[in-house]
Amino acid sequence: MGEPEALTRKSLTAAGTSDNDLRNSLRAGTLVLLARGVYLRRTDYDALDEAGRHRVHARHVGSHLESGEAISHVSAAVLHHLDIWKVPLARVHVSRPGRSGRVTPHLHAHRTTWGDDDLVDIRGVAVTSVARTVVDLARTLPRDEAVAIGDSALRLHPNTRPHLARVLARARHRTGTTAAASILEFLDGRSESVGESLSRIRMREAGLPVPDLQREVVVRDGRRYRLDFFWDGLGIVGEFDGNIKYRDRRDLLAEKRREDALRDLGLEVVRWNWAELDRFEVVAGRFARAVARARSRYAAVAR
């Protein structure tokens, strides 16, 4: 992946760095502490986002695990490059059979048992499989965070879906399996972003009908558009504007042409953004007005 490897006191000493040099580098900020005895060069640290730094730390921890132990939970999700949203990444998560769990400032060890297909190898590190990772997080995370990760898992690894029920069944005596079953049933790999995953949750909470996802429509000039959400029987399009504040004028004009083309087909377009996910009643009201307009238009045509 081109990501750097973690540095350790041992590796730095072997390269000729004295303890005094190490202290001076940390003081000057040219080295950054990831965990006790684990470092990154400042240039590498700044080039990575939070998930990338966690991935470096997790690979380092994973390279020192004992037989039967594996990187798990959110750390496994990071190593599988799944979408992570609002899940703390200060600790690397490890699962191990036959030993008690423990939590330190930089490590969370979970006691577990393994099924035959629960573990995979990622660059020489034992990691829980995508299915096992999704189930572990569905058991232990709030719904929003678990669905965001689970949707991205099914999007990136669509063959995972058939394995989830079997992995959940093996965890039936563990905490959180009832909530996990509900979350797993809800997952949909057609959600293309965290914002779309959260939108689906908010729709269910608000009692909106279930939309189709990523429906393709052809407008009158032959252009094809994929819609985030589509309520076919109602003629309503739902669009999540995840990057609206970053768009330049050309983006906005292209979006206006797209929306005009959809409206020219007789479709109602309902839009919302990140801020409105936290007050989705605004969006639900917008949706209800769109339904009323669509029905009024249909009634006028029928007369």
Protein backbone atom coordinates (compact mmCIF):
# COMPACT_ATOMS: atom_id res chain seq x y z
CA MET A 1 0.00 0.00 0.00
CA GLY A 2 3.05 2.26 0.17
CA GLU A 3 2.51 3.11 3.83
CA PRO A 4 5.54 3.42 6.12
CA GLU A 5 6.51 0.93 8.78
CA ALA A 6 6.58 1.89 12.44
CA LEU A 7 9.93 2.70 13.98
CA THR A 8 10.96 1.29 17.34
CA ARG A 9 13.66 2.12 19.81
CA LYS A 10 15.41 -1.10 18.75
CA SER A 11 15.32 -0.27 15.03
CA LEU A 12 16.42 3.31 15.63
CA THR A 13 19.29 2.20 17.86
CA ALA A 14 20.38 -0.32 15.22
CA ALA A 15 20.50 2.56 12.73
CA GLY A 16 22.81 4.52 15.01
CA THR A 17 20.31 6.68 16.92
CA SER A 18 21.29 7.22 20.54
CA ASP A 19 18.82 7.69 23.38
CA ASN A 20 19.82 11.35 23.45
CA ASP A 21 19.18 11.66 19.70
CA LEU A 22 15.79 10.03 20.20
CA ARG A 23 14.82 12.45 22.95
CA ASN A 24 15.96 15.42 20.86
CA SER A 25 13.99 14.19 17.81
CA LEU A 26 10.83 13.82 19.88
CA ARG A 27 11.36 17.25 21.40
CA ALA A 28 11.95 18.81 18.00
CA GLY A 29 8.94 17.00 16.55
CA THR A 30 10.83 15.20 13.78
CA LEU A 31 9.71 11.93 15.41
CA VAL A 32 6.16 11.36 16.69
CA LEU A 33 5.19 8.86 19.40
CA LEU A 34 2.47 6.40 18.33
CA ALA A 35 2.63 4.24 21.47
CA ARG A 36 5.23 3.40 24.05
CA GLY A 37 8.43 2.63 22.12
CA VAL A 38 6.72 3.01 18.72
CA TYR A 39 7.33 6.03 16.48
CA LEU A 40 6.77 7.56 13.05
CA ARG A 41 8.82 10.17 11.30
CA ARG A 42 6.99 13.49 11.22
CA THR A 43 6.83 13.52 7.42
CA ASP A 44 5.20 10.08 7.40
CA TYR A 45 2.87 10.96 10.27
CA ASP A 46 1.64 14.12 8.54
CA ALA A 47 1.12 12.29 5.24
CA LEU A 48 -1.31 9.81 6.84
CA ASP A 49 -4.84 10.33 8.11
CA GLU A 50 -5.96 8.90 11.45
CA ALA A 51 -6.87 5.53 9.92
CA GLY A 52 -3.51 5.34 8.15
CA ARG A 53 -1.60 5.97 11.39
CA HIS A 54 -3.72 3.34 13.12
CA ARG A 55 -2.98 0.91 10.30
CA VAL A 56 0.77 1.40 10.81
CA HIS A 57 0.38 0.86 14.57
CA ALA A 58 -1.86 -2.20 14.10
CA ARG A 59 0.57 -3.82 11.64
CA HIS A 60 3.36 -3.27 14.15
CA VAL A 61 1.35 -4.86 16.99
CA GLY A 62 0.24 -7.67 14.68
CA SER A 63 3.80 -8.52 13.75
CA HIS A 64 4.50 -9.35 17.41
CA LEU A 65 1.41 -11.42 18.21
CA GLU A 66 1.65 -14.95 19.53
CA SER A 67 0.25 -17.91 17.64
CA GLY A 68 -3.56 -17.93 17.75
CA GLU A 69 -3.83 -14.18 18.36
CA ALA A 70 -5.11 -11.75 15.74
CA ILE A 71 -5.83 -8.10 15.07
CA SER A 72 -9.60 -7.65 15.44
CA HIS A 73 -12.56 -5.29 15.78
CA VAL A 74 -11.99 -1.75 14.47
CA SER A 75 -8.27 -2.39 13.94
CA ALA A 76 -9.15 -5.26 11.61
CA ALA A 77 -11.62 -2.98 9.82
CA VAL A 78 -8.84 -0.45 9.29
CA LEU A 79 -6.50 -3.15 7.92
CA HIS A 80 -9.28 -4.25 5.54
CA HIS A 81 -9.61 -0.57 4.44
CA LEU A 82 -13.27 -0.37 5.47
CA ASP A 83 -14.97 2.99 6.12
CA ILE A 84 -14.52 4.07 9.73
CA TRP A 85 -16.78 6.75 11.19
CA LYS A 86 -16.57 8.13 14.74
CA VAL A 87 -14.89 5.01 16.15
CA PRO A 88 -11.97 5.81 18.49
CA LEU A 89 -8.61 4.67 17.10
CA ALA A 90 -6.34 5.30 20.08
CA ARG A 91 -6.10 1.57 20.89
CA VAL A 92 -5.17 -1.38 18.69
CA HIS A 93 -7.66 -4.22 19.17
CA VAL A 94 -6.43 -7.79 19.49
CA SER A 95 -8.40 -11.00 20.10
CA ARG A 96 -6.92 -14.11 21.66
CA PRO A 97 -8.30 -17.42 22.88
CA GLY A 98 -7.81 -18.76 26.37
CA ARG A 99 -6.59 -15.52 27.95
CA SER A 100 -8.42 -12.77 29.78
CA GLY A 101 -9.02 -9.42 28.13
CA ARG A 102 -7.27 -6.24 29.17
CA VAL A 103 -7.26 -2.57 28.23
CA THR A 104 -4.27 -0.22 28.26
CA PRO A 105 -3.93 3.27 26.78
CA HIS A 106 -2.81 1.78 23.43
CA LEU A 107 -4.15 -1.80 23.42
CA HIS A 108 -7.54 -3.49 23.84
CA ALA A 109 -7.24 -7.27 24.14
CA HIS A 110 -10.43 -9.33 23.80
CA ARG A 111 -10.92 -12.91 24.92
CA THR A 112 -12.41 -15.05 22.14
CA THR A 113 -12.66 -18.37 20.35
CA TRP A 114 -12.04 -18.93 16.64
CA GLY A 115 -14.06 -20.61 13.90
CA ASP A 116 -12.40 -22.30 10.95
CA ASP A 117 -12.61 -19.30 8.63
CA ASP A 118 -12.35 -16.43 11.13
CA LEU A 119 -8.76 -15.47 10.35
CA VAL A 120 -6.96 -14.20 7.26
CA ASP A 121 -3.42 -13.02 6.57
CA ILE A 122 -2.79 -9.40 5.57
CA ARG A 123 0.85 -8.72 4.73
CA GLY A 124 2.02 -11.35 7.19
CA VAL A 125 -0.30 -10.26 10.02
CA ALA A 126 -3.15 -12.42 11.39
CA VAL A 127 -6.41 -10.44 11.11
CA THR A 128 -10.05 -11.37 11.60
CA SER A 129 -11.84 -11.99 8.31
CA VAL A 130 -14.16 -9.35 6.90
CA ALA A 131 -17.22 -11.34 8.02
CA ARG A 132 -15.87 -11.89 11.54
CA THR A 133 -14.86 -8.22 11.76
CA VAL A 134 -18.32 -7.01 10.72
CA VAL A 135 -20.03 -9.30 13.25
CA ASP A 136 -17.68 -8.32 16.08
CA LEU A 137 -18.35 -4.64 15.42
CA ALA A 138 -22.10 -5.14 14.97
CA ARG A 139 -22.10 -6.68 18.48
CA THR A 140 -20.04 -3.96 20.11
CA LEU A 141 -20.58 -0.63 18.32
CA PRO A 142 -23.60 1.69 18.16
CA ARG A 143 -25.82 1.18 15.11
CA ASP A 144 -24.58 4.19 13.10
CA GLU A 145 -20.92 3.25 13.34
CA ALA A 146 -21.55 -0.48 12.78
CA VAL A 147 -23.74 0.08 9.71
CA ALA A 148 -21.21 2.47 8.13
CA ILE A 149 -18.49 -0.18 8.47
CA GLY A 150 -20.75 -3.06 7.48
CA ASP A 151 -22.06 -1.34 4.35
CA SER A 152 -18.53 -0.59 3.19
CA ALA A 153 -17.55 -4.22 3.86
CA LEU A 154 -20.33 -5.49 1.60
CA ARG A 155 -19.50 -2.89 -1.03
CA LEU A 156 -15.81 -3.84 -1.13
CA HIS A 157 -16.33 -7.57 -0.46
CA PRO A 158 -19.79 -8.52 -1.79
CA ASN A 159 -19.15 -12.24 -1.26
CA THR A 160 -19.10 -11.61 2.49
CA ARG A 161 -22.89 -11.51 2.85
CA PRO A 162 -23.47 -15.32 2.91
CA HIS A 163 -20.90 -15.75 5.69
CA LEU A 164 -22.37 -13.26 8.17
CA ALA A 165 -25.19 -15.48 9.48
CA ARG A 166 -22.80 -18.37 10.13
CA VAL A 167 -20.32 -16.15 11.98
CA LEU A 168 -23.14 -14.60 14.04
CA ALA A 169 -24.48 -18.06 14.93
CA ARG A 170 -21.09 -19.02 16.36
CA ALA A 171 -21.24 -15.88 18.54
CA ARG A 172 -24.73 -16.63 19.89
CA HIS A 173 -23.55 -16.84 23.51
CA ARG A 174 -21.63 -13.55 23.34
CA THR A 175 -22.86 -10.08 24.25
CA GLY A 176 -24.70 -8.03 21.65
CA THR A 177 -25.86 -10.71 19.23
CA THR A 178 -29.51 -9.57 19.21
CA ALA A 179 -28.53 -6.05 18.19
CA ALA A 180 -26.01 -7.47 15.72
CA ALA A 181 -28.67 -9.59 14.00
CA SER A 182 -30.77 -6.46 13.36
CA ILE A 183 -27.75 -4.55 12.05
CA LEU A 184 -26.62 -7.37 9.74
CA GLU A 185 -30.10 -7.64 8.23
CA PHE A 186 -30.03 -3.91 7.47
CA LEU A 187 -26.64 -3.78 5.72
CA ASP A 188 -26.54 -2.91 2.04
CA GLY A 189 -23.35 -2.76 0.00
CA ARG A 190 -24.99 -0.44 -2.52
CA SER A 191 -24.50 2.44 -0.07
CA GLU A 192 -21.48 4.22 -1.50
CA SER A 193 -20.49 6.39 1.46
CA VAL A 194 -20.86 6.79 5.19
CA GLY A 195 -23.34 9.60 4.55
CA GLU A 196 -25.55 7.32 2.44
CA SER A 197 -25.42 4.62 5.13
CA LEU A 198 -26.45 7.10 7.82
CA SER A 199 -29.18 8.43 5.53
CA ARG A 200 -30.71 4.96 5.29
CA ILE A 201 -30.74 4.68 9.08
CA ARG A 202 -32.39 8.10 9.45
CA MET A 203 -35.02 7.13 6.85
CA ARG A 204 -35.93 4.04 8.84
CA GLU A 205 -36.06 6.04 12.09
CA ALA A 206 -38.31 8.65 10.44
CA GLY A 207 -40.65 5.99 9.01
CA LEU A 208 -39.93 6.82 5.36
CA PRO A 209 -40.56 4.12 2.76
CA VAL A 210 -37.55 1.98 1.82
CA PRO A 211 -35.93 3.37 -1.36
CA ASP A 212 -34.05 1.60 -4.13
CA LEU A 213 -30.32 2.42 -4.16
CA GLN A 214 -28.11 3.47 -7.06
CA ARG A 215 -30.93 3.23 -9.61
CA GLU A 216 -29.83 4.30 -13.09
CA VAL A 217 -32.13 6.54 -15.13
CA VAL A 218 -31.82 7.81 -18.69
CA VAL A 219 -32.88 11.44 -19.21
CA ARG A 220 -34.34 12.89 -22.42
CA ASP A 221 -31.00 13.74 -24.06
CA GLY A 222 -29.71 10.19 -23.48
CA ARG A 223 -27.46 10.90 -20.52
CA ARG A 224 -27.45 8.30 -17.76
CA TYR A 225 -27.50 9.19 -14.08
CA ARG A 226 -27.23 7.01 -11.01
CA LEU A 227 -29.45 8.09 -8.14
CA ASP A 228 -28.45 7.75 -4.49
CA PHE A 229 -32.05 6.88 -3.53
CA PHE A 230 -35.17 6.36 -5.63
CA TRP A 231 -38.79 5.81 -4.62
CA ASP A 232 -40.12 4.36 -7.86
CA GLY A 233 -43.83 4.29 -7.06
CA LEU A 234 -43.69 7.87 -5.81
CA GLY A 235 -41.43 9.34 -8.50
CA ILE A 236 -39.06 10.82 -5.90
CA VAL A 237 -35.26 11.02 -6.05
CA GLY A 238 -33.18 11.36 -2.88
CA GLU A 239 -29.69 12.84 -3.08
CA PHE A 240 -27.17 13.09 -0.24
CA ASP A 241 -24.87 16.09 -0.75
CA GLY A 242 -21.82 14.87 1.10
CA ASN A 243 -19.34 17.22 -0.58
CA ILE A 244 -21.48 20.23 -1.35
CA LYS A 245 -19.30 22.72 0.49
CA TYR A 246 -16.27 21.70 -1.59
CA ARG A 247 -17.88 22.11 -5.01
CA ASP A 248 -16.74 24.85 -7.37
CA ARG A 249 -19.01 26.69 -9.82
CA ARG A 250 -18.65 24.04 -12.54
CA ASP A 251 -19.73 21.31 -10.13
CA LEU A 252 -22.77 23.31 -9.08
CA LEU A 253 -23.77 24.02 -12.69
CA ALA A 254 -23.41 20.34 -13.60
CA GLU A 255 -25.54 19.39 -10.60
CA LYS A 256 -28.20 21.93 -11.62
CA ARG A 257 -28.31 20.50 -15.16
CA ARG A 258 -28.63 17.01 -13.70
CA GLU A 259 -31.46 18.04 -11.38
CA ASP A 260 -33.26 19.93 -14.16
CA ALA A 261 -33.05 16.81 -16.37
CA LEU A 262 -34.54 14.67 -13.59
CA ARG A 263 -37.36 17.14 -12.99
CA ASP A 264 -38.01 17.17 -16.76
CA LEU A 265 -38.84 13.46 -16.39
CA GLY A 266 -41.51 14.45 -13.86
CA LEU A 267 -39.43 13.39 -10.86
CA GLU A 268 -39.31 15.23 -7.54
CA VAL A 269 -35.78 15.71 -6.13
CA VAL A 270 -35.17 15.86 -2.37
CA ARG A 271 -31.67 16.79 -1.20
CA TRP A 272 -29.96 16.87 2.19
CA ASN A 273 -26.48 17.30 3.61
CA TRP A 274 -24.35 16.22 6.58
CA ALA A 275 -25.80 18.81 8.95
CA GLU A 276 -29.35 17.66 8.21
CA LEU A 277 -28.56 14.07 9.16
CA ASP A 278 -28.66 15.33 12.75
CA ARG A 279 -32.09 16.94 12.27
CA PHE A 280 -33.63 14.55 9.80
CA GLU A 281 -37.14 15.71 10.60
CA VAL A 282 -36.32 18.59 8.21
CA VAL A 283 -35.63 16.08 5.45
CA ALA A 284 -38.72 14.03 6.33
CA GLY A 285 -40.82 17.19 5.96
CA ARG A 286 -39.18 17.92 2.61
CA PHE A 287 -39.96 14.35 1.52
CA ALA A 288 -43.62 14.65 2.59
CA ARG A 289 -44.03 17.85 0.57
CA ALA A 290 -42.46 16.16 -2.46
CA VAL A 291 -44.94 13.29 -2.11
CA ALA A 292 -47.83 15.79 -1.93
CA ARG A 293 -46.62 17.60 -5.05
CA ALA A 294 -46.21 14.31 -6.94
CA ARG A 295 -49.73 13.20 -5.99
CA SER A 296 -51.20 16.58 -6.87
CA ARG A 297 -49.55 16.47 -10.28
CA TYR A 298 -50.85 12.95 -10.89
CA ALA A 299 -54.38 13.99 -9.85
CA ALA A 300 -54.27 16.97 -12.24
CA VAL A 301 -53.23 14.70 -15.14
CA ALA A 302 -55.93 12.14 -14.25
CA ARG A 303 -58.71 14.78 -14.42
